[in-house]
Every structure is written in C-alpha cells, then in structure tokens.
Amino acid sequence: MNTASAPGAMQPASELESGHHASSKGRILAWASWDWGSAAFNAVMTTFVFTVYLTSSAFGGEDQASAVLGGALAVAGFAIAVLAPVTGQRSDAGGRRKLWLGINTAAVAILTALCFFVFPRPEFLLLGVSLIALGNVFFEFAGVNYNAMLAQISTPRNIGKVSGFGWGAGYLGGIVALLVVLQLFVQPSFEWFGASTEDSLNIRLVALFSALWFFIFALPVLFAVPELPRTGQAARLGFLASYGLLARRIKAIYATSPHTIYFLLASAVFRDGLAAVFTFGGIIAAGTFGFELSQVIFFAIFGNVVAAVGAMIGGFLDDRVGPKAVIIGSLVGLLIAGTVILVLGNGDYVFFGMDWAGSTTFWVFGLFLCLFVGPAQSSSRAYLARLAPHGESGELFGLYATTGRAVSFLAPALFTLCIAVATPMVAAGQAQRWGILGIMVVLLAGLLVLLPVKSPGKASIAVVPAA
C-alpha cells in the first residue's frame, strides 16, 4: 500500500510498471474469455435482442416502453454510484478481486436467466426492465474487478493491444452468440420446441441461452489468473468506514495526481454516451428505421465485426500514439456519424442521382458508430491502468465505475427527455429518433472535458494513504 509522502519524495510506480515484465498468452486468453462471454449480456440482452423485445408493441409501444427502459437504466446508474465506490478498494486489500468477479458474474447470469419469465404483455414490462437494470448493476461490479486485472496480465509495452484484444474478443463473442440466437431462436434452421413463437417462447429462451453462455466463458479467468495477496486492513473496515478511507484517498489522488481525477470526470461523461450508443442502438433500429428483429440481429453481426476491427486497430494505435489521441479521434467520429443519422432519419433521398433509403443511412453510419465505440472504450481502460498506483488498480477502477455511474443517468435521461419533448411535436412513432440528440450532447460534453487532460505519460502517479 502506498503511503502519502512529503513534497519532493520519489513518486511511486504504477501497478503496471511494478508488475510482470512479460505477459502470459494463456492468461491473456483466459482474461479475454470473460469479455467474449459478456457479449451475451451486452449484445444479446441489452442491445440487439431482449431490449428490442421489451420495447415492442407487445409491451405498450416503442415510445412508452423506451421511456420506461431509459428510466430504469437511469435508476440503475444511480444505484451503482451509491453502492460501488468501495468495491475495488476492499477487493484489493482483502485479496478477493477474483472472488468478487465470480460472485457478481454469477449474479448477472441468474438475473439474465430470470428474464425467461418476462411474457409479452404490458404488465410484464416492469419486471423485464427491472431485471435488465439489476443485471447492469452487478455487471458493473464485476467489471471493476475484471478491468483491474488488466495490470496483472499486461506490460507497459502491450497494455493497449491487450485491452483492445479483450474488447475485440467481446465483439467477436457477440457475433457468435448472435448467430446462434438467430439460427436457433429467431429464424430457426430446423424445427424444435425452442422455435415456438407462442408467448414469445423463442425470445424468452434467448435469456436462458445468454445466461449459460456468459457463465461458461467467465470460468477460465477464475482459474488462470491468480488471486491478489491480502495486503492491508481495508477489508476489515466497516462498509461505511470504507467510504471515509475512499474520501481520504480521493483527496490524496487530487493532490498528487490531479489529472487522474480529471480523466475520471471526463471519461465518466463520454463513457455514458458510449454505453447509450449500444443500449439504444437496436431500439432505434427497430423503432425509428423499421428493422425487424432478424434485421436488427443481422446489423448487430456486421456491427460487431466492425467494432472488433476498430477495437484491435485502436489498441495497436494506443501503444504508439497514446490512449488520449485514440479516444479523441473516436469521439469525433461518433459525433459525425450520430449527427448524420439524426439529420437524415428514416427519410428517402437522392444524392448525385442515386437513391438513398433510410435503412441505408442506418446501415452506413450505424456501422461507423460501431467502428469508433470500441477504441474509445478500450483506450479508456488502458489509460487508467497506466495511472493506477501499485496495489490500487481495483480501487481506481472502482472510482472509474463510480464516477461513470454517478452520471450514468445523463444519456438515458436525455434520451428519454428528448423523446418526451419531441412527442407532441412530431408524427406518432417519430419521437424516438430525437433521443439520438440526447446521446450526442453527452458525447460532445465528454470530449470537451477531456481535451485539457494530460496524457498518462505526462501525468504523475498518485500517492495514497494506507488504510
């Protein structure tokens, strides 16, 4: 545990720099397997299949159901902000990083499986959005410990590529999971009981499949990456006392490495926008652009291919030009693509004598959105891992989750607000499109806050007090 030192004392090394000088391919693959498995929750449940099902006409209509889902996710974000601050701190000190990764992953799998009981009737909407929202809470808790492991399996020379490989594995896992869902449940290749559409049995079975997929592929990291040694007294502190320690450490981080705090604040804003792109992407494809569920899944498959390529290219660039440049370029690309989708909408146009349909708008610029989301997410994780003091990665990624979720109501709330404001002003069914504006505002705000933040190589490593 680092001890606060007097001015002029030697600055500590980061956990990344003081760790292994070589990384094991086996551990990297096992670590990335969790990302691969998590695609069943991210891509299938919260983006392209189950939330599209929840916001269908069976649950009261796209506009109303989208607003309810947005509100539930905003509440989930608030819950994470209140409950997550000391998650990483206590797992660091108690040597239980892997244990809590396993517990929270299991909780996500159970909540996902319970979505089987969400029948296609309006009275089940609240149950469905509640399970998805709770799943997001435990998924974020698991992510604190998973992201902290990045410093355990990588080196300063390859951390960008390793982080990008993890994100890429997640997107590729999403492709395989979505193909299985398409072939077995949505457009089954053969007759079996899971292909039945009565009471949406086929879609409800997707929840059971997703839960099993995530659980199975999360197992390798729990066996391959060693548990942390118990290093301090923080794990013996009471839960509320841990918040006091957290407050003292935040103060110390601000005093000794202020740009770490600045990055946490900037990333909190733009990461909320990034999450909203995927959360509401499939919903907008179906509600605004008229995609059938099978079309949404086909788009998701292509989108995940593009996103995986983007994440891996971004990881390669991260190790060469630095994470800040990758993040800024990605945010600019997202703003351009999102603005085009908002302006053109589902209208038909003629450009240079060629017909341009609304579906083409979403296919082209929706894929550009996918291309830029991965690098921004991957480089954000690598950026923070470079600044984590020795033995404090979990706590710092806990702050990463906390600051992110402290403002995670922004994009869902602005998405919902823009829909509500537009509803009386546009034709029925056209209000959902304007939710895109709320997401773009959040991404722009994050970009503006990030610009003055120093790159990791120019920022000092924080000195924090012991428990």
Protein backbone atom coordinates (compact mmCIF):
# COMPACT_ATOMS: atom_id res chain seq x y z
CA MET A 1 0.00 0.00 0.00
CA ASN A 2 1.38 3.40 -0.91
CA THR A 3 1.91 5.95 1.80
CA ALA A 4 1.39 9.66 1.31
CA SER A 5 4.74 11.32 1.17
CA ALA A 6 6.13 14.78 1.58
CA PRO A 7 6.65 17.04 -1.41
CA GLY A 8 9.69 16.05 -3.35
CA ALA A 9 9.57 12.42 -2.32
CA MET A 10 10.08 9.82 -5.02
CA GLN A 11 6.87 9.19 -6.91
CA PRO A 12 5.65 5.58 -6.82
CA ALA A 13 5.47 3.36 -9.86
CA SER A 14 2.14 2.30 -11.26
CA GLU A 15 0.87 -1.21 -10.68
CA LEU A 16 1.50 -1.83 -14.38
CA GLU A 17 5.16 -0.75 -14.22
CA SER A 18 5.88 -2.62 -10.98
CA GLY A 19 4.25 -5.84 -12.16
CA HIS A 20 5.39 -8.56 -14.52
CA HIS A 21 7.80 -7.66 -17.32
CA ALA A 22 6.31 -10.36 -19.54
CA SER A 23 2.70 -11.35 -20.05
CA SER A 24 1.39 -14.89 -20.42
CA LYS A 25 -0.61 -15.64 -23.56
CA GLY A 26 -2.62 -18.20 -21.63
CA ARG A 27 -3.68 -15.69 -19.00
CA ILE A 28 -4.49 -13.08 -21.65
CA LEU A 29 -6.72 -15.57 -23.47
CA ALA A 30 -8.42 -16.62 -20.23
CA TRP A 31 -8.95 -12.96 -19.27
CA ALA A 32 -10.35 -12.12 -22.71
CA SER A 33 -12.72 -15.11 -22.47
CA TRP A 34 -14.72 -13.15 -19.89
CA ASP A 35 -15.14 -10.34 -22.44
CA TRP A 36 -16.17 -12.96 -25.03
CA GLY A 37 -18.81 -14.36 -22.67
CA SER A 38 -20.05 -10.95 -21.53
CA ALA A 39 -21.27 -10.30 -25.07
CA ALA A 40 -24.29 -12.48 -24.28
CA PHE A 41 -25.39 -9.81 -21.80
CA ASN A 42 -24.17 -6.74 -23.69
CA ALA A 43 -25.03 -7.63 -27.28
CA VAL A 44 -27.89 -10.11 -26.94
CA MET A 45 -29.72 -8.92 -23.83
CA THR A 46 -29.18 -5.17 -23.53
CA THR A 47 -28.63 -4.10 -27.12
CA PHE A 48 -29.93 -6.13 -30.03
CA VAL A 49 -32.46 -8.73 -28.89
CA PHE A 50 -34.05 -8.60 -25.46
CA THR A 51 -34.39 -4.84 -25.07
CA VAL A 52 -35.78 -4.71 -28.61
CA TYR A 53 -38.34 -7.28 -27.44
CA LEU A 54 -39.10 -5.19 -24.33
CA THR A 55 -39.72 -2.05 -26.39
CA SER A 56 -42.01 -3.75 -28.93
CA SER A 57 -45.73 -3.14 -29.29
CA ALA A 58 -46.43 -6.14 -27.03
CA PHE A 59 -45.34 -4.05 -24.04
CA GLY A 60 -47.29 -0.88 -24.86
CA GLY A 61 -45.48 0.63 -27.84
CA GLU A 62 -41.96 1.72 -28.74
CA ASP A 63 -42.09 5.27 -27.37
CA GLN A 64 -43.61 4.42 -23.98
CA ALA A 65 -41.55 1.26 -23.41
CA SER A 66 -38.34 3.04 -24.49
CA ALA A 67 -39.01 5.78 -21.94
CA VAL A 68 -39.62 3.21 -19.16
CA LEU A 69 -36.44 1.34 -20.06
CA GLY A 70 -34.45 4.57 -20.10
CA GLY A 71 -35.82 5.49 -16.68
CA ALA A 72 -34.95 2.07 -15.22
CA LEU A 73 -31.39 2.30 -16.52
CA ALA A 74 -31.07 5.77 -15.02
CA VAL A 75 -32.11 4.38 -11.61
CA ALA A 76 -29.61 1.54 -12.03
CA GLY A 77 -26.87 4.06 -12.71
CA PHE A 78 -27.71 5.92 -9.52
CA ALA A 79 -27.64 2.66 -7.53
CA ILE A 80 -24.19 1.83 -8.89
CA ALA A 81 -22.90 5.27 -7.96
CA VAL A 82 -24.09 4.79 -4.37
CA LEU A 83 -23.03 1.16 -3.87
CA ALA A 84 -19.87 0.71 -5.96
CA PRO A 85 -17.31 3.20 -4.54
CA VAL A 86 -15.53 0.77 -2.24
CA THR A 87 -15.91 -2.43 -4.28
CA GLY A 88 -12.44 -2.29 -5.77
CA GLN A 89 -10.85 -0.92 -2.61
CA ARG A 90 -12.00 -3.85 -0.48
CA SER A 91 -11.15 -6.50 -3.08
CA ASP A 92 -7.64 -5.03 -3.47
CA ALA A 93 -6.88 -5.06 0.23
CA GLY A 94 -8.68 -8.30 1.01
CA GLY A 95 -7.12 -10.27 -1.83
CA ARG A 96 -10.57 -11.07 -3.21
CA ARG A 97 -10.55 -9.50 -6.67
CA LYS A 98 -11.18 -12.82 -8.40
CA LEU A 99 -13.75 -13.94 -5.81
CA TRP A 100 -15.92 -10.89 -6.31
CA LEU A 101 -15.56 -11.13 -10.07
CA GLY A 102 -17.03 -14.62 -9.82
CA ILE A 103 -19.84 -13.66 -7.43
CA ASN A 104 -21.01 -10.69 -9.46
CA THR A 105 -20.75 -12.60 -12.74
CA ALA A 106 -22.96 -15.33 -11.27
CA ALA A 107 -25.49 -12.70 -10.20
CA VAL A 108 -25.67 -11.34 -13.75
CA ALA A 109 -26.18 -14.85 -15.12
CA ILE A 110 -29.03 -15.54 -12.66
CA LEU A 111 -30.81 -12.25 -13.41
CA THR A 112 -30.43 -12.91 -17.12
CA ALA A 113 -31.97 -16.38 -16.76
CA LEU A 114 -34.93 -14.90 -14.86
CA CYS A 115 -35.80 -12.86 -17.95
CA PHE A 116 -37.31 -16.11 -19.24
CA PHE A 117 -40.37 -15.22 -17.15
CA VAL A 118 -40.98 -11.89 -18.94
CA PHE A 119 -44.04 -12.69 -21.04
CA PRO A 120 -45.08 -10.42 -23.96
CA ARG A 121 -47.73 -8.41 -22.13
CA PRO A 122 -47.67 -4.83 -20.81
CA GLU A 123 -47.92 -5.96 -17.18
CA PHE A 124 -44.53 -7.71 -17.54
CA LEU A 125 -42.69 -4.59 -18.76
CA LEU A 126 -41.69 -3.50 -15.26
CA LEU A 127 -40.32 -6.96 -14.45
CA GLY A 128 -38.30 -7.03 -17.67
CA VAL A 129 -36.73 -3.60 -17.30
CA SER A 130 -36.04 -4.25 -13.60
CA LEU A 131 -34.12 -7.45 -14.36
CA ILE A 132 -32.11 -5.74 -17.09
CA ALA A 133 -31.38 -2.78 -14.81
CA LEU A 134 -30.27 -5.03 -11.91
CA GLY A 135 -28.17 -7.03 -14.33
CA ASN A 136 -26.41 -3.82 -15.32
CA VAL A 137 -25.68 -3.08 -11.64
CA PHE A 138 -23.97 -6.43 -10.99
CA PHE A 139 -22.29 -6.38 -14.40
CA GLU A 140 -20.63 -3.09 -13.47
CA PHE A 141 -19.49 -4.50 -10.12
CA ALA A 142 -17.93 -7.46 -11.95
CA GLY A 143 -16.32 -5.09 -14.43
CA VAL A 144 -14.48 -3.25 -11.63
CA ASN A 145 -12.50 -6.37 -10.77
CA TYR A 146 -12.19 -7.57 -14.35
CA ASN A 147 -10.73 -4.26 -15.55
CA ALA A 148 -8.35 -4.15 -12.59
CA MET A 149 -6.89 -7.47 -13.73
CA LEU A 150 -5.57 -5.75 -16.88
CA ALA A 151 -2.49 -4.61 -14.97
CA GLN A 152 -1.89 -8.20 -13.79
CA ILE A 153 -1.73 -9.72 -17.28
CA SER A 154 -0.11 -6.98 -19.42
CA THR A 155 3.05 -4.85 -19.57
CA PRO A 156 3.66 -1.17 -20.36
CA ARG A 157 4.61 -2.17 -23.91
CA ASN A 158 1.46 -4.11 -24.78
CA ILE A 159 -1.29 -2.86 -22.49
CA GLY A 160 -3.09 -1.09 -25.35
CA LYS A 161 -3.08 -4.21 -27.51
CA VAL A 162 -4.17 -6.44 -24.63
CA SER A 163 -7.04 -4.13 -23.74
CA GLY A 164 -8.03 -3.88 -27.40
CA PHE A 165 -7.82 -7.66 -27.74
CA GLY A 166 -10.22 -8.02 -24.82
CA TRP A 167 -12.74 -5.63 -26.35
CA GLY A 168 -12.29 -7.31 -29.73
CA ALA A 169 -12.95 -10.71 -28.16
CA GLY A 170 -16.13 -9.30 -26.68
CA TYR A 171 -17.37 -8.11 -30.04
CA LEU A 172 -16.44 -11.38 -31.77
CA GLY A 173 -18.16 -13.30 -28.99
CA GLY A 174 -21.18 -11.16 -29.70
CA ILE A 175 -21.12 -12.24 -33.35
CA VAL A 176 -21.05 -15.94 -32.47
CA ALA A 177 -23.72 -15.54 -29.78
CA LEU A 178 -25.99 -13.58 -32.12
CA LEU A 179 -25.54 -16.15 -34.91
CA VAL A 180 -26.54 -18.93 -32.52
CA VAL A 181 -29.55 -16.90 -31.37
CA LEU A 182 -30.53 -16.23 -34.97
CA GLN A 183 -30.21 -19.84 -36.10
CA LEU A 184 -31.82 -21.45 -33.06
CA PHE A 185 -34.42 -18.96 -31.86
CA VAL A 186 -35.21 -16.03 -34.17
CA GLN A 187 -35.04 -17.67 -37.61
CA PRO A 188 -34.51 -21.33 -36.65
CA SER A 189 -32.82 -23.58 -39.18
CA PHE A 190 -34.83 -26.59 -38.01
CA GLU A 191 -37.99 -27.28 -36.06
CA TRP A 192 -37.67 -27.73 -32.31
CA PHE A 193 -39.65 -26.58 -29.27
CA GLY A 194 -37.40 -23.54 -28.81
CA ALA A 195 -38.51 -22.20 -32.18
CA SER A 196 -42.07 -21.70 -30.97
CA THR A 197 -43.25 -18.08 -31.05
CA GLU A 198 -46.23 -18.73 -28.77
CA ASP A 199 -45.95 -16.32 -25.84
CA SER A 200 -42.56 -15.37 -27.38
CA LEU A 201 -41.06 -18.60 -26.07
CA ASN A 202 -38.21 -18.37 -28.57
CA ILE A 203 -37.16 -14.91 -27.32
CA ARG A 204 -37.55 -15.87 -23.67
CA LEU A 205 -35.32 -18.89 -24.25
CA VAL A 206 -32.69 -16.48 -25.56
CA ALA A 207 -32.38 -15.28 -21.95
CA LEU A 208 -31.55 -18.79 -20.72
CA PHE A 209 -29.03 -19.25 -23.52
CA SER A 210 -27.37 -15.90 -22.71
CA ALA A 211 -27.08 -16.73 -19.01
CA LEU A 212 -25.40 -20.07 -19.77
CA TRP A 213 -23.09 -18.54 -22.38
CA PHE A 214 -21.82 -15.84 -20.01
CA PHE A 215 -21.33 -18.25 -17.11
CA ILE A 216 -19.35 -20.82 -19.12
CA PHE A 217 -16.96 -18.35 -20.76
CA ALA A 218 -16.40 -16.48 -17.49
CA LEU A 219 -14.89 -19.59 -15.87
CA PRO A 220 -11.37 -19.57 -17.47
CA VAL A 221 -10.27 -16.28 -15.89
CA LEU A 222 -11.28 -17.60 -12.47
CA PHE A 223 -8.84 -20.49 -12.87
CA ALA A 224 -5.99 -18.90 -14.85
CA VAL A 225 -5.37 -15.54 -13.15
CA PRO A 226 -4.11 -15.79 -9.55
CA GLU A 227 -5.90 -14.11 -6.68
CA LEU A 228 -4.36 -11.00 -5.15
CA PRO A 229 -2.49 -11.36 -1.86
CA ARG A 230 -4.17 -9.79 1.16
CA THR A 231 -2.30 -6.51 1.60
CA GLY A 232 -3.98 -4.30 4.14
CA GLN A 233 -6.65 -3.53 6.68
CA ALA A 234 -9.25 -2.04 4.36
CA ALA A 235 -11.11 -5.34 4.10
CA ARG A 236 -11.58 -5.29 7.90
CA LEU A 237 -13.06 -1.82 7.86
CA GLY A 238 -16.81 -1.47 8.16
CA PHE A 239 -18.64 -0.69 4.95
CA LEU A 240 -19.32 2.93 5.90
CA ALA A 241 -15.77 3.36 7.23
CA SER A 242 -14.51 2.31 3.81
CA TYR A 243 -16.19 5.40 2.39
CA GLY A 244 -14.16 7.53 4.77
CA LEU A 245 -10.94 5.90 3.55
CA LEU A 246 -12.12 6.37 -0.02
CA ALA A 247 -12.68 10.08 0.58
CA ARG A 248 -9.16 10.48 2.00
CA ARG A 249 -7.67 8.67 -0.97
CA ILE A 250 -9.59 10.75 -3.49
CA LYS A 251 -8.22 13.85 -1.77
CA ALA A 252 -4.68 12.39 -1.94
CA ILE A 253 -5.08 11.48 -5.62
CA TYR A 254 -6.23 15.01 -6.41
CA ALA A 255 -3.26 16.46 -4.52
CA THR A 256 -0.58 14.22 -6.05
CA SER A 257 -2.06 13.33 -9.47
CA PRO A 258 -4.86 15.77 -10.34
CA HIS A 259 -5.08 14.66 -13.96
CA THR A 260 -6.13 11.21 -12.77
CA ILE A 261 -9.22 12.86 -11.28
CA TYR A 262 -9.72 15.00 -14.39
CA PHE A 263 -9.67 11.90 -16.57
CA LEU A 264 -12.12 10.09 -14.30
CA LEU A 265 -14.53 13.00 -14.65
CA ALA A 266 -14.11 13.33 -18.41
CA SER A 267 -14.42 9.60 -19.02
CA ALA A 268 -17.48 9.42 -16.79
CA VAL A 269 -19.31 11.68 -19.21
CA PHE A 270 -18.22 10.27 -22.55
CA ARG A 271 -18.46 6.62 -21.40
CA ASP A 272 -22.09 7.21 -20.52
CA GLY A 273 -22.61 8.33 -24.11
CA LEU A 274 -20.73 5.26 -25.41
CA ALA A 275 -22.90 2.94 -23.34
CA ALA A 276 -26.03 4.62 -24.64
CA VAL A 277 -24.97 4.07 -28.26
CA PHE A 278 -25.12 0.31 -27.72
CA THR A 279 -28.01 0.29 -25.25
CA PHE A 280 -30.34 2.22 -27.53
CA GLY A 281 -28.84 1.27 -30.92
CA GLY A 282 -31.02 -1.78 -31.54
CA ILE A 283 -34.06 0.00 -30.15
CA ILE A 284 -33.61 2.89 -32.60
CA ALA A 285 -33.02 0.49 -35.49
CA ALA A 286 -36.36 -1.20 -34.80
CA GLY A 287 -38.47 1.76 -33.66
CA THR A 288 -37.20 4.53 -35.96
CA PHE A 289 -35.89 2.69 -39.01
CA GLY A 290 -38.42 -0.13 -39.02
CA PHE A 291 -35.97 -3.03 -38.76
CA GLU A 292 -37.48 -6.42 -37.97
CA LEU A 293 -35.80 -8.36 -35.16
CA SER A 294 -33.94 -10.54 -37.66
CA GLN A 295 -32.68 -7.39 -39.45
CA VAL A 296 -31.53 -5.96 -36.11
CA ILE A 297 -29.56 -9.14 -35.46
CA PHE A 298 -28.00 -9.10 -38.94
CA PHE A 299 -26.95 -5.50 -38.36
CA ALA A 300 -25.57 -6.49 -34.96
CA ILE A 301 -23.45 -9.22 -36.52
CA PHE A 302 -21.91 -6.85 -39.05
CA GLY A 303 -21.63 -4.16 -36.39
CA ASN A 304 -19.70 -6.46 -34.07
CA VAL A 305 -17.27 -7.38 -36.85
CA VAL A 306 -16.61 -3.68 -37.48
CA ALA A 307 -16.38 -2.96 -33.74
CA ALA A 308 -13.89 -5.79 -33.18
CA VAL A 309 -11.70 -4.48 -36.01
CA GLY A 310 -11.96 -0.97 -34.58
CA ALA A 311 -11.02 -2.09 -31.06
CA MET A 312 -7.96 -4.03 -32.24
CA ILE A 313 -6.77 -1.23 -34.51
CA GLY A 314 -7.35 1.19 -31.66
CA GLY A 315 -5.29 -0.99 -29.32
CA PHE A 316 -2.43 -1.05 -31.83
CA LEU A 317 -2.56 2.75 -32.13
CA ASP A 318 -2.87 3.14 -28.36
CA ASP A 319 0.60 1.68 -27.78
CA ARG A 320 2.05 4.05 -30.42
CA VAL A 321 0.26 7.41 -30.26
CA GLY A 322 -1.22 7.10 -26.76
CA PRO A 323 -4.75 6.50 -25.47
CA LYS A 324 -5.83 10.15 -25.40
CA ALA A 325 -5.38 10.60 -29.15
CA VAL A 326 -7.33 7.40 -29.81
CA ILE A 327 -10.19 8.49 -27.56
CA ILE A 328 -10.45 11.97 -29.08
CA GLY A 329 -10.44 10.62 -32.65
CA SER A 330 -13.12 8.09 -31.72
CA LEU A 331 -15.40 10.66 -30.09
CA VAL A 332 -15.16 12.96 -33.10
CA GLY A 333 -16.06 10.06 -35.39
CA LEU A 334 -19.04 9.16 -33.19
CA LEU A 335 -20.34 12.72 -33.21
CA ILE A 336 -20.17 12.94 -37.00
CA ALA A 337 -21.89 9.59 -37.58
CA GLY A 338 -24.57 10.22 -34.95
CA THR A 339 -25.36 13.66 -36.31
CA VAL A 340 -25.86 12.28 -39.82
CA ILE A 341 -28.30 9.63 -38.51
CA LEU A 342 -30.22 12.29 -36.58
CA VAL A 343 -30.44 14.71 -39.50
CA LEU A 344 -31.31 12.21 -42.23
CA GLY A 345 -33.53 9.95 -40.13
CA ASN A 346 -35.58 7.36 -41.99
CA GLY A 347 -36.23 9.60 -44.97
CA ASP A 348 -35.55 8.71 -48.59
CA TYR A 349 -33.19 10.98 -50.51
CA VAL A 350 -31.47 11.30 -53.87
CA PHE A 351 -27.74 12.05 -53.77
CA PHE A 352 -25.90 12.62 -57.06
CA GLY A 353 -28.69 10.89 -58.92
CA MET A 354 -28.65 7.83 -56.64
CA ASP A 355 -31.50 6.76 -54.35
CA TRP A 356 -30.65 6.72 -50.66
CA ALA A 357 -33.10 4.95 -48.34
CA GLY A 358 -33.47 5.46 -44.61
CA SER A 359 -32.28 1.92 -43.96
CA THR A 360 -29.10 2.72 -45.88
CA THR A 361 -28.49 5.69 -43.58
CA PHE A 362 -28.60 3.45 -40.54
CA TRP A 363 -26.52 0.69 -42.10
CA VAL A 364 -23.72 3.01 -43.22
CA PHE A 365 -23.49 5.43 -40.31
CA GLY A 366 -24.58 2.89 -37.71
CA LEU A 367 -21.55 0.82 -38.69
CA PHE A 368 -19.37 3.92 -38.33
CA LEU A 369 -20.70 4.26 -34.79
CA CYS A 370 -19.66 0.66 -34.12
CA LEU A 371 -16.20 1.33 -35.56
CA PHE A 372 -15.48 4.14 -33.09
CA VAL A 373 -17.09 2.89 -29.87
CA GLY A 374 -14.59 0.04 -29.31
CA PRO A 375 -11.37 2.09 -29.47
CA ALA A 376 -12.78 4.72 -27.10
CA GLN A 377 -13.77 2.07 -24.54
CA SER A 378 -10.55 0.08 -24.83
CA SER A 379 -8.22 3.08 -24.62
CA SER A 380 -10.13 4.47 -21.64
CA ARG A 381 -9.43 1.26 -19.74
CA ALA A 382 -5.77 1.27 -20.80
CA TYR A 383 -5.42 4.98 -19.96
CA LEU A 384 -6.49 4.45 -16.36
CA ALA A 385 -4.49 1.24 -15.89
CA ARG A 386 -1.35 3.21 -16.73
CA LEU A 387 -2.10 5.60 -13.84
CA ALA A 388 -3.07 3.05 -11.15
CA PRO A 389 -0.67 3.11 -8.14
CA HIS A 390 0.82 -0.23 -7.14
CA GLY A 391 -1.79 -2.39 -5.42
CA GLU A 392 -4.59 0.09 -6.11
CA SER A 393 -5.92 -0.90 -9.54
CA GLY A 394 -9.16 -2.26 -8.12
CA GLU A 395 -9.87 0.87 -6.12
CA LEU A 396 -9.08 3.12 -9.06
CA PHE A 397 -11.32 1.10 -11.36
CA GLY A 398 -13.92 1.25 -8.60
CA LEU A 399 -13.70 5.02 -8.86
CA TYR A 400 -13.86 4.59 -12.64
CA ALA A 401 -17.15 2.74 -12.24
CA THR A 402 -18.42 5.12 -9.58
CA THR A 403 -17.72 8.30 -11.48
CA GLY A 404 -19.12 6.74 -14.62
CA ARG A 405 -22.30 5.61 -12.97
CA ALA A 406 -22.61 8.78 -10.91
CA VAL A 407 -23.52 10.48 -14.18
CA SER A 408 -24.92 7.42 -15.96
CA PHE A 409 -28.37 8.91 -15.70
CA LEU A 410 -27.31 11.58 -18.20
CA ALA A 411 -27.61 9.75 -21.51
CA PRO A 412 -30.71 7.68 -20.62
CA ALA A 413 -32.36 10.74 -19.06
CA LEU A 414 -31.55 13.00 -22.02
CA PHE A 415 -32.61 10.22 -24.42
CA THR A 416 -35.94 9.99 -22.57
CA LEU A 417 -36.31 13.78 -22.27
CA CYS A 418 -35.70 14.36 -25.97
CA ILE A 419 -38.33 11.74 -26.82
CA ALA A 420 -40.80 13.34 -24.39
CA VAL A 421 -40.21 16.85 -25.79
CA ALA A 422 -40.48 15.65 -29.39
CA THR A 423 -43.60 13.51 -28.91
CA PRO A 424 -46.21 16.29 -29.18
CA MET A 425 -44.28 17.98 -31.99
CA VAL A 426 -43.83 15.10 -34.45
CA ALA A 427 -45.93 12.35 -36.01
CA ALA A 428 -46.74 9.26 -33.94
CA GLY A 429 -43.77 6.87 -33.81
CA GLN A 430 -41.26 9.54 -34.91
CA ALA A 431 -40.26 10.86 -31.48
CA GLN A 432 -37.80 8.08 -30.72
CA ARG A 433 -35.37 9.36 -33.35
CA TRP A 434 -34.80 12.55 -31.38
CA GLY A 435 -33.44 10.57 -28.47
CA ILE A 436 -30.23 10.43 -30.53
CA LEU A 437 -29.78 14.14 -29.83
CA GLY A 438 -29.51 13.48 -26.10
CA ILE A 439 -26.75 10.90 -26.67
CA MET A 440 -24.80 13.27 -28.94
CA VAL A 441 -24.93 16.04 -26.31
CA VAL A 442 -23.35 13.71 -23.74
CA LEU A 443 -20.57 12.61 -26.13
CA LEU A 444 -19.76 16.22 -27.01
CA ALA A 445 -19.62 17.23 -23.36
CA GLY A 446 -17.23 14.35 -22.62
CA LEU A 447 -14.96 15.36 -25.49
CA LEU A 448 -14.77 18.97 -24.33
CA VAL A 449 -13.92 17.96 -20.75
CA LEU A 450 -11.24 15.52 -21.99
CA LEU A 451 -9.31 17.99 -24.17
CA PRO A 452 -7.31 19.70 -21.37
CA VAL A 453 -6.49 16.42 -19.57
CA LYS A 454 -2.85 15.29 -19.80
CA SER A 455 -1.86 12.02 -21.45
CA PRO A 456 -0.80 9.25 -18.99
CA GLY A 457 2.88 9.67 -19.88
CA LYS A 458 2.75 13.31 -18.78
CA ALA A 459 0.75 12.75 -15.57
CA SER A 460 2.21 11.66 -12.24
CA ILE A 461 1.23 8.51 -10.38
CA ALA A 462 -0.88 9.23 -7.29
CA VAL A 463 0.42 8.74 -3.73
CA VAL A 464 -2.39 7.48 -1.49
CA PRO A 465 -2.62 6.91 2.29
CA ALA A 466 -2.74 3.44 3.78
CA ALA A 467 -5.87 2.14 5.48
